[in-house]
N, C-alpha and C. Protein backbone atom coordinates (compact mmCIF):
# COMPACT_ATOMS: atom_id res chain seq x y z
N MET A 1 -10.96 23.30 18.31
CA MET A 1 -9.71 23.28 18.99
C MET A 1 -10.06 22.13 20.40
N VAL A 2 -9.41 20.97 19.78
CA VAL A 2 -9.47 19.74 21.27
C VAL A 2 -8.60 20.05 21.94
N ALA A 3 -9.15 20.33 22.82
CA ALA A 3 -8.08 21.08 24.29
C ALA A 3 -8.13 19.74 25.39
N CYS A 4 -6.56 19.65 26.15
CA CYS A 4 -6.56 19.25 27.06
C CYS A 4 -7.42 19.93 28.25
N GLY A 5 -7.75 19.16 29.41
CA GLY A 5 -9.15 19.82 29.96
C GLY A 5 -7.93 20.45 31.34
N ALA A 6 -6.60 20.51 31.35
CA ALA A 6 -6.10 20.97 32.16
C ALA A 6 -5.38 22.72 31.98
N ILE A 7 -5.38 22.47 30.21
CA ILE A 7 -5.13 23.79 30.31
C ILE A 7 -6.68 24.76 29.09
N ALA A 8 -7.51 23.99 29.34
CA ALA A 8 -8.89 24.29 28.42
C ALA A 8 -9.26 25.69 29.06
N ARG A 9 -9.36 26.08 30.04
CA ARG A 9 -9.63 27.57 30.84
C ARG A 9 -8.76 28.58 29.90
N HIS A 10 -7.36 28.17 30.03
CA HIS A 10 -6.44 29.53 29.51
C HIS A 10 -7.20 29.39 27.78
N VAL A 11 -6.77 28.51 27.05
CA VAL A 11 -7.00 28.43 25.71
C VAL A 11 -8.66 29.08 25.56
N SER A 12 -9.40 29.27 26.41
CA SER A 12 -10.31 29.85 26.15
C SER A 12 -10.78 31.09 26.41
N GLU A 13 -9.51 31.53 27.10
CA GLU A 13 -9.39 32.90 27.84
C GLU A 13 -9.29 33.41 26.71
N ILE A 14 -8.14 32.99 26.14
CA ILE A 14 -6.70 33.70 25.24
C ILE A 14 -8.23 33.83 23.77
N VAL A 15 -8.54 32.85 23.64
CA VAL A 15 -9.32 32.55 22.26
C VAL A 15 -10.55 34.15 22.18
N GLY A 16 -11.18 33.69 23.67
CA GLY A 16 -12.31 34.99 24.11
C GLY A 16 -11.28 36.44 23.78
N ARG A 17 -10.14 36.44 24.25
CA ARG A 17 -9.52 37.63 24.33
C ARG A 17 -9.25 37.98 23.08
N ARG A 18 -8.77 37.19 22.46
CA ARG A 18 -8.27 37.82 20.44
C ARG A 18 -9.44 37.98 19.50
N GLY A 19 -10.34 37.30 20.47
CA GLY A 19 -12.00 37.24 19.14
C GLY A 19 -11.81 36.22 17.86
N TRP A 20 -11.11 34.92 18.27
CA TRP A 20 -10.78 34.30 17.53
C TRP A 20 -12.27 33.26 16.87
N PRO A 21 -12.51 32.82 15.73
CA PRO A 21 -13.82 32.15 15.77
C PRO A 21 -13.49 30.50 15.93
N VAL A 22 -13.04 30.72 17.19
CA VAL A 22 -12.52 29.18 17.71
C VAL A 22 -13.79 28.55 18.90
N ASP A 23 -13.89 27.20 18.56
CA ASP A 23 -14.59 26.97 20.01
C ASP A 23 -13.64 25.61 20.57
N VAL A 24 -13.79 25.48 21.62
CA VAL A 24 -13.04 24.67 22.54
C VAL A 24 -13.58 23.79 23.22
N HIS A 25 -13.01 22.50 22.58
CA HIS A 25 -13.43 21.17 23.29
C HIS A 25 -12.99 20.52 23.92
N PRO A 26 -12.97 20.47 25.02
CA PRO A 26 -11.98 19.85 26.24
C PRO A 26 -12.71 18.32 26.84
N LEU A 27 -10.96 17.88 26.52
CA LEU A 27 -10.95 16.58 27.34
C LEU A 27 -10.74 16.57 28.58
N PRO A 28 -11.11 15.24 29.36
CA PRO A 28 -10.96 15.23 31.16
C PRO A 28 -9.58 15.10 30.97
N PRO A 29 -9.27 16.15 32.06
CA PRO A 29 -7.77 16.49 32.49
C PRO A 29 -7.63 14.96 32.81
N LEU A 30 -7.84 14.55 33.85
CA LEU A 30 -7.45 13.16 34.23
C LEU A 30 -6.74 12.25 33.48
N LEU A 31 -7.04 12.37 31.83
CA LEU A 31 -6.68 11.89 30.92
C LEU A 31 -4.76 11.33 31.35
N HIS A 32 -4.28 12.58 31.71
CA HIS A 32 -2.87 12.70 32.25
C HIS A 32 -2.43 11.32 33.23
N ASN A 33 -3.29 10.86 33.79
CA ASN A 33 -2.72 10.06 34.40
C ASN A 33 -2.84 8.67 33.93
N HIS A 34 -3.39 8.83 32.93
CA HIS A 34 -3.31 7.22 31.92
C HIS A 34 -2.82 8.20 30.44
N PRO A 35 -1.86 8.63 30.20
CA PRO A 35 -1.23 8.99 28.84
C PRO A 35 -1.68 8.26 27.30
N GLU A 36 -1.32 7.24 28.09
CA GLU A 36 -2.10 6.31 26.74
C GLU A 36 -2.85 6.37 26.09
N ARG A 37 -3.87 6.99 27.09
CA ARG A 37 -5.33 7.23 26.63
C ARG A 37 -5.97 7.98 26.01
N ILE A 38 -4.44 9.22 25.94
CA ILE A 38 -5.04 10.30 25.15
C ILE A 38 -5.48 10.25 24.08
N ALA A 39 -3.99 9.58 23.47
CA ALA A 39 -4.15 9.96 21.66
C ALA A 39 -5.48 9.06 21.30
N PRO A 40 -6.00 8.22 21.84
CA PRO A 40 -7.32 7.26 21.13
C PRO A 40 -8.37 8.73 21.62
N ALA A 41 -8.33 9.57 22.98
CA ALA A 41 -9.40 10.07 23.16
C ALA A 41 -9.67 11.52 22.09
N VAL A 42 -7.96 12.05 21.69
CA VAL A 42 -7.81 12.89 21.13
C VAL A 42 -8.49 12.41 19.50
N GLU A 43 -8.13 11.29 18.92
CA GLU A 43 -8.59 11.07 17.85
C GLU A 43 -10.18 10.70 17.88
N LYS A 44 -11.01 9.92 18.96
CA LYS A 44 -12.33 9.78 18.45
C LYS A 44 -12.86 11.39 18.92
N ALA A 45 -12.08 12.72 19.92
CA ALA A 45 -12.71 13.94 19.41
C ALA A 45 -13.02 14.47 18.09
N ILE A 46 -11.66 14.24 17.30
CA ILE A 46 -11.35 14.53 16.12
C ILE A 46 -12.74 14.26 15.23
N GLY A 47 -12.55 12.55 14.88
CA GLY A 47 -13.72 12.34 14.00
C GLY A 47 -15.32 12.73 14.61
N GLU A 48 -15.02 13.14 16.20
CA GLU A 48 -16.84 13.57 16.18
C GLU A 48 -16.96 14.79 15.86
N LEU A 49 -15.59 16.01 15.73
CA LEU A 49 -15.87 16.90 15.07
C LEU A 49 -15.55 17.30 13.89
N ARG A 50 -14.97 16.16 13.08
CA ARG A 50 -15.12 16.43 11.62
C ARG A 50 -16.55 16.26 11.06
N GLY A 51 -16.32 17.37 9.98
CA GLY A 51 -17.60 17.78 9.36
C GLY A 51 -18.74 18.98 10.02
N ARG A 52 -18.32 19.17 11.40
CA ARG A 52 -18.42 20.12 11.91
C ARG A 52 -18.00 21.44 11.75
N TYR A 53 -16.81 21.41 11.65
CA TYR A 53 -15.51 22.40 11.48
C TYR A 53 -14.76 22.60 10.23
N ALA A 54 -14.26 23.84 9.97
CA ALA A 54 -13.71 23.72 8.58
C ALA A 54 -12.37 23.19 9.03
N ALA A 55 -12.00 23.38 10.26
CA ALA A 55 -10.35 23.19 10.71
C ALA A 55 -10.59 22.88 11.86
N ILE A 56 -9.78 21.70 12.94
CA ILE A 56 -9.91 21.21 13.25
C ILE A 56 -7.88 21.37 14.05
N ALA A 57 -7.73 21.80 15.24
CA ALA A 57 -6.68 21.80 16.06
C ALA A 57 -6.32 21.19 17.14
N VAL A 58 -5.58 20.80 17.73
CA VAL A 58 -5.28 20.11 18.99
C VAL A 58 -4.12 20.73 19.80
N GLY A 59 -5.29 21.23 21.15
CA GLY A 59 -4.53 21.29 22.35
C GLY A 59 -4.20 20.73 23.28
N TYR A 60 -2.93 20.13 22.70
CA TYR A 60 -1.85 19.13 23.61
C TYR A 60 -1.00 19.55 23.11
N ALA A 61 0.06 19.27 24.17
CA ALA A 61 1.76 18.95 24.02
C ALA A 61 1.49 17.14 23.51
N ASP A 62 2.63 16.50 23.79
CA ASP A 62 3.01 15.36 23.67
C ASP A 62 2.21 14.58 24.81
N CYS A 63 2.52 15.24 25.88
CA CYS A 63 2.12 14.75 27.18
C CYS A 63 2.39 13.12 27.66
N GLY A 64 3.41 12.94 27.41
CA GLY A 64 3.69 11.27 27.61
C GLY A 64 2.74 10.21 27.08
N SER A 65 2.49 10.84 25.48
CA SER A 65 1.87 10.12 24.44
C SER A 65 3.18 8.88 23.95
N TYR A 66 4.50 9.74 23.86
CA TYR A 66 5.47 9.03 23.48
C TYR A 66 5.38 9.12 21.74
N GLY A 67 5.05 10.29 21.51
CA GLY A 67 4.55 10.06 19.74
C GLY A 67 3.41 9.79 19.27
N ALA A 68 2.52 8.81 19.94
CA ALA A 68 1.26 8.51 19.40
C ALA A 68 0.02 9.44 19.47
N LEU A 69 0.39 10.88 20.00
CA LEU A 69 -0.70 12.00 19.36
C LEU A 69 -0.23 12.47 18.36
N ASP A 70 1.35 12.72 18.02
CA ASP A 70 1.96 12.62 16.61
C ASP A 70 1.51 12.43 15.63
N GLU A 71 1.00 10.68 15.84
CA GLU A 71 0.35 10.34 14.62
C GLU A 71 -0.75 10.04 14.83
N VAL A 72 -1.69 10.72 15.56
CA VAL A 72 -2.53 10.52 15.44
C VAL A 72 -3.01 11.75 14.52
N CYS A 73 -2.45 13.00 14.75
CA CYS A 73 -2.59 14.39 13.93
C CYS A 73 -2.40 14.20 12.71
N ALA A 74 -1.22 13.42 12.53
CA ALA A 74 -0.45 13.41 11.05
C ALA A 74 -1.76 12.61 10.35
N ARG A 75 -2.47 11.35 10.75
CA ARG A 75 -3.30 10.92 10.08
C ARG A 75 -4.63 11.64 10.05
N SER A 76 -4.75 12.32 10.76
CA SER A 76 -6.01 13.23 11.05
C SER A 76 -5.88 14.86 9.92
N GLY A 77 -4.59 14.66 9.86
CA GLY A 77 -4.15 16.10 8.68
C GLY A 77 -4.40 17.25 10.15
N VAL A 78 -4.16 17.17 11.25
CA VAL A 78 -4.57 18.56 11.87
C VAL A 78 -2.93 18.69 12.33
N ALA A 79 -2.70 19.87 13.33
CA ALA A 79 -1.52 20.35 14.35
C ALA A 79 -2.05 20.17 15.66
N ARG A 80 -0.98 20.50 16.39
CA ARG A 80 -1.03 20.28 17.99
C ARG A 80 -0.10 21.69 18.19
N LEU A 81 -0.39 21.67 19.57
CA LEU A 81 0.79 22.48 20.55
C LEU A 81 2.01 21.82 20.44
N PRO A 82 3.21 22.47 20.67
CA PRO A 82 4.21 22.32 20.61
C PRO A 82 5.02 21.56 21.77
N GLY A 83 6.08 20.96 22.08
CA GLY A 83 6.57 20.64 23.27
C GLY A 83 6.31 19.23 24.17
N ALA A 84 6.58 19.16 24.67
CA ALA A 84 7.08 17.59 25.00
C ALA A 84 5.60 17.57 26.48
N HIS A 85 5.04 18.59 27.08
CA HIS A 85 3.88 18.66 28.41
C HIS A 85 3.22 20.24 28.25
N CYS A 86 2.57 20.68 28.82
CA CYS A 86 2.54 21.87 29.01
C CYS A 86 3.39 22.55 29.66
N TYR A 87 4.10 22.02 30.37
CA TYR A 87 5.54 22.84 31.28
C TYR A 87 6.01 23.99 30.21
N ASP A 88 5.86 22.74 29.25
CA ASP A 88 7.26 23.86 27.52
C ASP A 88 6.40 24.66 27.27
N VAL A 89 4.83 24.11 26.98
CA VAL A 89 4.24 25.30 26.49
C VAL A 89 3.75 26.68 27.41
N PHE A 90 4.27 26.41 28.37
CA PHE A 90 4.03 27.90 29.72
C PHE A 90 5.25 28.75 30.08
N ALA A 91 6.11 27.66 30.07
CA ALA A 91 7.64 27.80 29.97
C ALA A 91 8.53 28.23 29.21
N GLY A 92 8.46 27.51 28.10
CA GLY A 92 9.47 27.30 26.97
C GLY A 92 10.25 26.14 27.40
N THR A 93 10.35 25.24 26.27
CA THR A 93 11.17 24.32 26.23
C THR A 93 12.60 24.53 26.46
N GLU A 94 13.40 25.24 26.49
CA GLU A 94 14.41 25.76 27.07
C GLU A 94 14.39 26.56 28.48
N ARG A 95 13.59 26.56 29.01
CA ARG A 95 13.58 26.98 30.63
C ARG A 95 13.43 26.02 31.29
N MET A 96 12.18 24.97 31.20
CA MET A 96 12.09 24.02 31.31
C MET A 96 13.64 22.53 31.57
N ARG A 97 14.16 22.54 30.24
CA ARG A 97 15.57 22.24 30.41
C ARG A 97 16.58 22.30 31.30
N GLU A 98 16.30 23.74 31.74
CA GLU A 98 17.35 24.25 32.61
C GLU A 98 16.85 24.13 33.84
N LEU A 99 15.54 24.92 34.34
CA LEU A 99 15.22 23.93 35.25
C LEU A 99 15.47 22.48 36.12
N LEU A 100 15.20 21.39 34.93
CA LEU A 100 15.13 20.11 35.24
C LEU A 100 16.66 19.84 35.35
N ALA A 101 17.37 20.44 34.65
CA ALA A 101 18.93 20.01 34.82
C ALA A 101 19.04 20.75 36.03
N ALA A 102 19.07 21.73 36.19
CA ALA A 102 19.68 22.28 37.89
C ALA A 102 19.00 21.56 39.08
N GLU A 103 17.59 21.23 38.85
CA GLU A 103 16.99 20.07 39.73
C GLU A 103 16.55 18.99 39.32
N PRO A 104 17.11 17.48 38.71
CA PRO A 104 16.13 16.84 38.40
C PRO A 104 14.76 16.08 39.14
N GLY A 105 14.97 16.47 40.93
CA GLY A 105 13.99 16.13 41.50
C GLY A 105 13.05 17.39 41.69
N THR A 106 12.67 17.82 40.46
CA THR A 106 11.89 18.71 40.49
C THR A 106 10.21 18.66 39.99
N TYR A 107 9.61 18.62 41.43
CA TYR A 107 8.24 18.55 40.83
C TYR A 107 7.50 19.90 40.52
N LEU A 108 6.56 19.56 39.24
CA LEU A 108 6.16 20.81 38.69
C LEU A 108 4.50 20.35 38.94
N LEU A 109 4.22 22.22 39.25
CA LEU A 109 3.27 22.38 39.13
C LEU A 109 2.55 23.42 38.19
N THR A 110 0.94 23.46 38.03
CA THR A 110 0.90 24.52 37.06
C THR A 110 -0.61 25.13 37.80
N ASP A 111 -1.18 26.40 37.86
CA ASP A 111 -2.48 26.64 38.38
C ASP A 111 -3.38 25.42 38.71
N TYR A 112 -3.51 24.95 37.23
CA TYR A 112 -4.39 23.69 37.39
C TYR A 112 -4.32 22.47 38.21
N LEU A 113 -2.96 21.96 38.40
CA LEU A 113 -2.81 21.21 38.90
C LEU A 113 -2.42 21.47 40.56
N ALA A 114 -2.05 22.92 41.27
CA ALA A 114 -2.40 23.02 41.94
C ALA A 114 -3.44 23.23 42.97
N LEU A 115 -4.49 23.87 42.15
CA LEU A 115 -6.17 23.77 42.35
C LEU A 115 -6.68 22.38 42.50
N SER A 116 -6.29 21.39 41.67
CA SER A 116 -7.22 20.12 41.64
C SER A 116 -6.20 19.00 42.15
N PHE A 117 -4.95 19.13 42.83
CA PHE A 117 -3.50 18.60 43.29
C PHE A 117 -4.17 17.37 44.53
N ASP A 118 -5.37 17.80 45.35
CA ASP A 118 -5.79 16.66 45.96
C ASP A 118 -6.51 15.37 45.11
N ARG A 119 -7.32 15.59 44.09
CA ARG A 119 -7.91 15.04 43.29
C ARG A 119 -7.12 14.40 42.50
N SER A 120 -6.32 15.45 41.58
CA SER A 120 -5.76 14.72 40.52
C SER A 120 -4.48 13.74 40.97
N VAL A 121 -3.69 13.86 42.19
CA VAL A 121 -2.58 13.23 42.41
C VAL A 121 -2.72 12.42 43.55
N VAL A 122 -3.49 13.01 44.73
CA VAL A 122 -3.74 12.26 46.40
C VAL A 122 -4.80 11.16 45.93
N VAL A 123 -5.64 11.73 45.53
CA VAL A 123 -6.91 10.52 45.21
C VAL A 123 -6.26 9.44 44.12
N GLU A 124 -6.52 10.09 42.78
CA GLU A 124 -5.52 9.13 41.76
C GLU A 124 -4.63 7.93 42.22
N LEU A 125 -3.89 8.74 42.95
CA LEU A 125 -2.88 7.65 43.14
C LEU A 125 -2.98 6.86 44.44
N GLY A 126 -4.13 7.17 44.95
CA GLY A 126 -4.60 5.96 45.84
C GLY A 126 -4.09 6.57 47.28
N LEU A 127 -3.32 7.50 47.70
CA LEU A 127 -2.44 8.04 48.34
C LEU A 127 -3.17 8.44 49.94
N ASP A 128 -5.14 8.79 49.28
CA ASP A 128 -5.94 8.78 50.11
C ASP A 128 -6.23 7.52 51.24
N ARG A 129 -6.07 6.13 50.54
CA ARG A 129 -6.08 5.38 50.97
C ARG A 129 -5.12 4.20 51.75
N TYR A 130 -3.90 5.00 51.13
CA TYR A 130 -2.69 4.05 51.27
C TYR A 130 -2.04 5.11 51.44
N PRO A 131 -1.91 5.82 52.71
CA PRO A 131 -0.69 6.72 52.81
C PRO A 131 0.45 6.26 52.85
N GLU A 132 0.97 5.46 53.23
CA GLU A 132 2.23 4.34 53.39
C GLU A 132 3.06 4.94 52.03
N LEU A 133 2.31 4.76 50.66
CA LEU A 133 3.36 5.02 49.77
C LEU A 133 3.93 6.31 49.20
N HIS A 134 3.58 7.38 50.39
CA HIS A 134 3.78 8.62 49.77
C HIS A 134 5.38 8.52 49.99
N THR A 135 6.03 7.92 50.61
CA THR A 135 7.75 8.12 50.42
C THR A 135 7.91 7.24 49.11
N GLU A 136 7.27 6.13 48.93
CA GLU A 136 7.72 5.67 47.72
C GLU A 136 7.65 6.82 46.64
N TYR A 137 6.43 7.31 46.45
CA TYR A 137 5.74 7.94 45.11
C TYR A 137 7.07 8.87 45.08
N PHE A 138 7.28 9.57 46.03
CA PHE A 138 8.05 11.34 46.34
C PHE A 138 9.67 11.47 46.52
N ARG A 139 10.24 10.17 47.16
CA ARG A 139 11.22 10.47 47.44
C ARG A 139 12.40 10.49 46.93
N HIS A 140 11.98 10.89 45.88
CA HIS A 140 13.20 11.21 44.75
C HIS A 140 13.08 12.80 44.09
N TYR A 141 11.90 13.50 44.67
CA TYR A 141 11.79 14.82 44.48
C TYR A 141 12.55 15.40 45.51
N ARG A 142 13.24 16.95 45.37
CA ARG A 142 14.13 17.83 46.17
C ARG A 142 12.75 19.07 46.61
N ARG A 143 12.25 19.42 45.28
CA ARG A 143 11.42 21.05 45.06
C ARG A 143 10.24 20.64 44.74
N VAL A 144 9.82 21.99 44.26
CA VAL A 144 8.16 22.25 43.56
C VAL A 144 8.62 22.98 43.09
N VAL A 145 8.50 23.59 41.79
CA VAL A 145 8.60 24.76 40.99
C VAL A 145 6.92 24.97 40.45
N TRP A 146 6.17 25.64 41.02
CA TRP A 146 5.10 26.19 40.61
C TRP A 146 5.17 27.24 39.28
N LEU A 147 4.81 26.89 38.41
CA LEU A 147 4.92 27.65 36.92
C LEU A 147 3.34 28.53 37.06
N SER A 148 3.46 29.46 37.47
CA SER A 148 2.22 30.15 37.84
C SER A 148 1.73 30.97 36.57
N GLN A 149 0.35 30.82 35.87
CA GLN A 149 -0.02 31.65 35.20
C GLN A 149 -0.65 32.50 35.50
N HIS A 150 -1.67 32.45 36.57
CA HIS A 150 -2.22 33.84 37.03
C HIS A 150 -2.20 33.80 38.73
N PRO A 151 -1.22 34.38 39.12
CA PRO A 151 -1.06 33.89 40.85
C PRO A 151 -2.10 34.68 41.48
N THR A 152 -2.78 33.56 42.14
CA THR A 152 -4.07 34.53 42.89
C THR A 152 -3.37 33.67 44.21
N THR A 153 -4.29 34.74 45.38
CA THR A 153 -3.96 34.25 47.03
C THR A 153 -4.85 32.83 46.50
N ARG A 154 -5.85 32.25 45.97
CA ARG A 154 -6.38 30.89 45.65
C ARG A 154 -5.19 30.20 45.49
N THR A 155 -4.37 30.21 44.36
CA THR A 155 -3.69 29.57 43.42
C THR A 155 -2.62 29.40 44.67
N ARG A 156 -2.53 30.67 44.82
CA ARG A 156 -0.89 30.30 45.84
C ARG A 156 -0.90 29.70 46.89
N ALA A 157 -1.98 29.84 47.65
CA ALA A 157 -2.67 28.65 48.52
C ALA A 157 -2.58 27.34 48.41
N ALA A 158 -3.44 26.91 47.37
CA ALA A 158 -3.19 25.53 46.70
C ALA A 158 -1.81 24.95 46.51
N ALA A 159 -0.46 25.88 45.87
CA ALA A 159 0.66 25.44 45.74
C ALA A 159 1.14 24.96 46.83
N GLU A 160 0.97 26.20 47.85
CA GLU A 160 1.56 25.97 49.16
C GLU A 160 0.72 24.48 50.05
N ARG A 161 0.03 24.50 49.82
CA ARG A 161 -0.81 23.32 50.68
C ARG A 161 0.05 21.78 49.68
N ALA A 162 -0.01 21.98 48.39
CA ALA A 162 0.45 20.89 47.38
C ALA A 162 2.35 20.48 48.26
N ALA A 163 2.81 21.68 48.13
CA ALA A 163 4.17 21.21 48.28
C ALA A 163 3.96 20.90 49.96
N ALA A 164 3.31 21.35 51.05
CA ALA A 164 3.41 20.97 52.14
C ALA A 164 3.18 18.95 52.24
N TYR A 165 2.37 19.21 51.46
CA TYR A 165 1.71 17.86 51.18
C TYR A 165 3.10 16.80 51.01
N LEU A 166 3.76 17.28 49.47
CA LEU A 166 5.00 16.57 49.64
C LEU A 166 6.30 16.63 49.91
N ARG A 167 5.97 17.78 51.21
CA ARG A 167 7.23 17.84 52.37
C ARG A 167 8.04 18.64 51.35
N LEU A 168 7.95 19.35 50.56
CA LEU A 168 8.81 19.99 49.72
C LEU A 168 8.75 21.66 50.01
N PRO A 169 10.44 22.22 49.62
CA PRO A 169 10.02 23.48 49.61
C PRO A 169 9.51 24.00 48.34
N LEU A 170 8.71 25.23 47.86
CA LEU A 170 8.46 25.75 47.07
C LEU A 170 8.60 26.64 46.31
N GLU A 171 8.98 26.75 45.34
CA GLU A 171 9.42 28.17 44.07
C GLU A 171 8.70 28.76 43.57
N GLU A 172 8.18 29.60 42.91
CA GLU A 172 7.01 29.92 42.10
C GLU A 172 7.84 30.56 41.28
N ILE A 173 7.67 30.56 39.48
CA ILE A 173 8.29 31.34 38.64
C ILE A 173 6.96 31.15 38.04
N VAL A 174 6.57 32.96 37.64
CA VAL A 174 5.33 33.69 37.37
C VAL A 174 5.61 33.28 35.61
N VAL A 175 5.22 32.32 34.80
CA VAL A 175 5.31 32.45 33.66
C VAL A 175 3.90 32.72 32.73
N GLY A 176 3.21 33.00 33.17
CA GLY A 176 1.62 33.82 32.75
C GLY A 176 1.34 33.02 31.25
N ASP A 177 0.65 33.25 30.83
CA ASP A 177 0.21 32.81 29.37
C ASP A 177 0.87 33.27 27.60
N ARG A 178 1.61 33.75 27.98
CA ARG A 178 2.26 34.44 26.62
C ARG A 178 2.66 33.57 25.89
N LEU A 179 3.47 32.58 26.12
CA LEU A 179 3.53 31.43 25.69
C LEU A 179 2.71 30.55 24.77
N LEU A 180 2.01 30.70 25.71
CA LEU A 180 0.67 29.56 25.17
C LEU A 180 -0.22 30.16 24.27
N GLU A 181 -0.14 31.46 24.39
CA GLU A 181 -0.71 32.49 23.50
C GLU A 181 -0.53 32.56 21.82
N GLN A 182 0.76 32.36 22.26
CA GLN A 182 2.06 32.56 21.04
C GLN A 182 1.77 31.31 20.24
N ALA A 183 1.58 30.17 21.10
CA ALA A 183 1.38 28.91 20.13
C ALA A 183 0.27 28.55 19.46
N LEU A 184 -0.91 29.43 20.70
CA LEU A 184 -1.89 29.02 19.78
C LEU A 184 -2.11 29.92 18.91
N THR A 185 -1.13 31.32 18.79
CA THR A 185 -1.35 31.95 17.51
C THR A 185 -0.96 31.11 16.06
N GLU A 186 -0.11 30.69 16.31
CA GLU A 186 0.42 29.74 15.22
C GLU A 186 -0.31 28.93 14.51
N LEU A 187 -1.08 28.13 15.64
CA LEU A 187 -1.86 26.92 15.42
C LEU A 187 -2.96 27.16 14.54
N VAL A 188 -3.77 28.46 14.88
CA VAL A 188 -4.82 28.95 14.27
C VAL A 188 -4.81 29.55 13.27
N ALA A 189 -3.28 29.96 12.89
CA ALA A 189 -2.60 30.25 11.99
C ALA A 189 -2.48 29.37 10.90
N LEU A 190 -2.39 28.08 11.35
CA LEU A 190 -2.36 26.90 9.70
C LEU A 190 -3.69 26.41 8.89
């Protein structure tokens, strides 16, 4: 399975728990800062893995590729996780629709994003070098919703730090990885 590095740990845990004969090949999670690079990176990984495995699957949702990842999957004859992004995979499409309809200015965190916020957001957006951009980047957000998969003291503290950095209230919704496991079960069965 070619997996997004932001969910690869969860995918590996589920694979191990279920005892599936699946190898997880994570791609760099920072590809999300350049979603136009996701589909080419997945296509390259599929090409490199062909011949080594009887079947290949893609552990990504669309992730901002605007259909480019679906085109790669169709050309390659592989399936991917459902949804527009990993938030759908963890919380469900309908729940995400409701959350964003209730407050369009919602900044979303997963466990991975909470723990990597400084690197993935602050450094990657240049806010460590240009802190004056903070207001421009985040002025339309009204809240942070942490979709926690495995809440721990460490992850909760990281989510609280991210929300404090954003100067927004934090809400936690424990989603676990049940929906990811269900989607992976369907993907592995194909």
